[in-house]
Structures are given as structure tokens and as C-alpha cells.
Amino acid sequence: MIVCVQRQLDVHGRQQSKDVCLQENDHELEEGLRSLAAPIRDRNGRVVAAVNISTQSSRYTAAAIRADMLPALLETAEAIGLDLARITR
């Protein structure tokens, strides 16, 4: 399932709201597995890769994985994208 969330980003010293869409799997790939994947974008905004986290469904509800793990996942995807922009000039 595709899920979109609004994210506050610091762009050139200004706060901007941005919709970020990610892939959420709840028992779709394998029974007992929950996962989230966020896009990694190049400097032009094109999706070039993704970063994924997964956990056992017995340990986290779908809501809990979003609340507890999503912020770090989105920050990681953004950081990788910024790193890619620096090395692909």
C-alpha cells in the first residue's frame, strides 16, 4: 500500500511542508512481516533507490511502526539523497 505523509523540511533556511509517499507492507510479502520503504531521490527529485525497514508483526502494530520508525526512515532517505547529490555533481 502506498502511504503519503506530510513532512516539514528545512529548505535553504525556510520550513516547507512536503508530501512524502512511501510503500507500506503489512503481511503482503510474508506472513508476520511488516515493512516500510521510503524513496531516495537524486538532486533533480527523481526516485533512484529506496531504503527499507522491516519488523515482525508480533512486535509492532502497523500504527506503531509508523509512529516509532517512520521519522528515522524518512530522515535516512533524505540524508542518502543529499549525499548522492554531493557526489554526483
Protein backbone atom coordinates (compact mmCIF):
# COMPACT_ATOMS: atom_id res chain seq x y z
CA MET A 1 0.00 0.00 0.00
CA ILE A 2 1.26 3.50 -0.81
CA VAL A 3 1.02 5.91 2.13
CA CYS A 4 1.67 9.66 1.88
CA VAL A 5 2.63 11.73 4.91
CA GLN A 6 3.32 15.42 5.27
CA ARG A 7 6.85 16.26 6.33
CA GLN A 8 8.39 19.56 7.46
CA LEU A 9 11.67 20.19 5.65
CA ASP A 10 14.29 22.88 6.07
CA VAL A 11 14.96 24.17 2.56
CA HIS A 12 17.58 26.94 2.40
CA GLY A 13 16.74 28.04 5.94
CA ARG A 14 12.96 28.01 5.44
CA GLN A 15 10.50 25.45 6.70
CA GLN A 16 8.43 23.84 3.95
CA SER A 17 5.73 21.20 4.10
CA LYS A 18 6.15 18.39 1.63
CA ASP A 19 4.15 15.24 0.94
CA VAL A 20 6.35 12.16 1.06
CA CYS A 21 4.96 8.88 -0.22
CA LEU A 22 6.26 5.51 0.88
CA GLN A 23 5.47 1.84 0.50
CA GLU A 24 3.91 0.04 3.46
CA ASN A 25 3.58 -3.75 3.53
CA ASP A 26 1.56 -5.48 6.21
CA HIS A 27 1.76 -9.27 5.74
CA GLU A 28 1.81 -8.75 1.94
CA LEU A 29 5.31 -10.04 1.27
CA GLU A 30 5.41 -12.65 4.01
CA GLU A 31 3.10 -13.64 6.84
CA GLY A 32 4.21 -11.95 10.05
CA LEU A 33 6.29 -9.24 8.33
CA ARG A 34 5.62 -5.52 8.39
CA SER A 35 7.83 -3.14 6.44
CA LEU A 36 8.13 0.44 5.25
CA ALA A 37 10.18 1.71 2.30
CA ALA A 38 10.94 5.34 1.53
CA PRO A 39 12.22 6.73 -1.78
CA ILE A 40 15.72 8.08 -2.22
CA ARG A 41 15.77 10.96 -4.69
CA ASP A 42 18.57 12.44 -6.73
CA ARG A 43 19.19 16.19 -6.90
CA ASN A 44 16.54 16.51 -9.62
CA GLY A 45 13.88 14.87 -7.46
CA ARG A 46 13.83 11.59 -9.39
CA VAL A 47 13.50 8.39 -7.38
CA VAL A 48 16.72 6.43 -7.87
CA ALA A 49 16.57 3.95 -4.99
CA ALA A 50 14.73 3.12 -1.77
CA VAL A 51 15.57 2.35 1.84
CA ASN A 52 13.55 -0.23 3.77
CA ILE A 53 12.94 -1.26 7.36
CA SER A 54 11.07 -4.35 8.50
CA THR A 55 9.95 -5.99 11.71
CA GLN A 56 7.88 -8.88 12.96
CA SER A 57 4.19 -8.06 13.15
CA SER A 58 4.06 -9.58 16.64
CA ARG A 59 6.42 -6.85 17.87
CA TYR A 60 4.87 -3.75 16.24
CA THR A 61 1.39 -2.82 15.10
CA ALA A 62 1.09 -1.01 11.76
CA ALA A 63 0.42 2.24 13.63
CA ALA A 64 3.40 1.72 15.95
CA ILE A 65 5.86 1.09 13.13
CA ARG A 66 4.74 4.36 11.53
CA ALA A 67 4.99 6.28 14.82
CA ASP A 68 8.26 4.74 16.04
CA MET A 69 10.26 4.03 12.88
CA LEU A 70 8.95 6.29 10.13
CA PRO A 71 10.67 9.52 11.23
CA ALA A 72 14.12 7.86 11.24
CA LEU A 73 13.40 6.13 7.92
CA LEU A 74 12.46 9.42 6.23
CA GLU A 75 15.47 11.22 7.71
CA THR A 76 17.75 8.45 6.48
CA ALA A 77 16.28 8.54 2.96
CA GLU A 78 16.71 12.32 2.84
CA ALA A 79 20.31 12.11 4.11
CA ILE A 80 21.23 9.49 1.50
CA GLY A 81 19.66 11.68 -1.21
CA LEU A 82 21.72 14.68 -0.05
CA ASP A 83 24.87 12.55 -0.08
CA LEU A 84 24.07 11.39 -3.62
CA ALA A 85 23.61 14.99 -4.73
CA ARG A 86 27.06 15.91 -3.40
CA ILE A 87 28.89 13.04 -5.11
CA THR A 88 27.08 13.18 -8.47
CA ARG A 89 27.79 16.78 -9.44
